[in-house]
């Protein structure tokens, strides 16, 4: 089981490294990557909408629920920091609104 966890962690680092310069530099130099560095890289990639973390669990038995809530707290941007846009394509034109 420990080997599988290490393999999946390495796979995550390989997938996030091209999206984050700081993590890519450490990965290419074969430096050890701490869990904190990996979390920060996932957060930066998520905020720039280049990476989408996926969580699994069972709400019926509360399995994975705390991990989901912690993930939302750690990886997703605060709603008043995120930029959201809407497009109005009516009336022969397109207008872009930022909320």
Foldseek 3Di string as FASTA:
>chain_A
DVVVVVVVVVVLLVVLLVVAPVSVVCVVVVHDADPVNSLVSQQVCVLVVNDDDDFDDDPVVCGRVVVVVVCCVRRPDDVVVHWDWDWDCPDPHIDIDID
